[in-house]
């Protein structure tokens, strides 16, 4: 047995490149169906866990899938907004707690999420460094954002303009990082959190500028009446909120009409949830209400169809690989006739030769299995990328 094992190892070592190619090919075939199964299973678990933790979502009428993806996973889908008054109205209903969100803008490809402090309590997010939001123009960043951009409390982060040609719209705002969230293994790790007023300033609904009463350049003044001083487009608007200019920032119009993308509603109990859903179904409230668990469950059905398709392909590829492997072994034995004849002349039995050939195959299969297990282990590190590319 040991002699056969030694000869098998020496043969495979001599043809090491052929052995490695064969082992790698078989390893990939073994890995693909199992790796895909792991990706789908873990993706399903992560998506469903976040959906189950979010009881109800309220947003503008439209696609409930887009609403859930925007709110739960901060994918920047173009969805209709609702007024901030909607969140206040839901709070005043007495049926639950409402948490407004405004997720439209980005900062270096990471989503900016405007919300309230209740969101951090709701998601059970804790701080790794710094403190939570307290002033206008501050932001708290997720663990992935901090690591990728190498940021920590005290640094600054500038919001990204939606379009380089939008001269009168979104105004890049330099935000102060005051805290870094502890890793939560969720989309919150990849988000930049601010308060709603800060996102409204990015939107251009609020701004800060020098005191018009103390302005020294008369060309900046467009019109003066008893109550107001109107400035022209030459007036410089601050793009950073700090201690010196914070009091100059203000908003125009009624804040109740300002936009938010959605509202997370946490009902007090099951009865409250049923009553609230009934008000939307009856048309008493004008927007749509979605149950994230149901929406995500429907979304996952498409993944199962992809899985079935890939499984069928893997079966066909696996059969083809087995056939090719058999052909390679048959050709290898045919080419090794002189070598096997030498073993016979030296007194080796046919049983010993068969044992040596079998051990060669077993060693290749063991190497292939190790490669497959290595790939299976590494698959867990790419679940988030798989969700972003093929699910959301």
Foldseek 3Di string as FASTA:
>chain_A
DVVLLVVLVVVCVVVVVVLVVLLQVLLCLLQVLLLLVVLLVVLLVQLLVQLVLFFKKWFFDDDVLVLLCCPFQVDQDDDDWAFLLVQVVLCVVQFFHKKFWAWHWAFPPFIEIAIDPVVCVSVVWDFPDFDDDDAAQAKEAAQQVCVVVVDAAQDWTWIDDPDPPCPQFFDIAIGGYGTYIDDDVGSRNRYIYDHPVNVVVRGVQKWFFDDPVPDDDPQQWDDDDDPDTDGDPVTDTDRYADPVTVVRMDGDDDSRGDTTGMMGTDGPDPVSVVVVQVCVVVCVDPRHMDSSSVSVVVLSVVVVVVSVVVVVVSVVVVVVSVVVVVVVLVVVCVVCVVVVVVCVVVPHDPVSVVSSSVSSVVVSNVSSNVSSVVSSVCSVVCSVVCCVPPRD
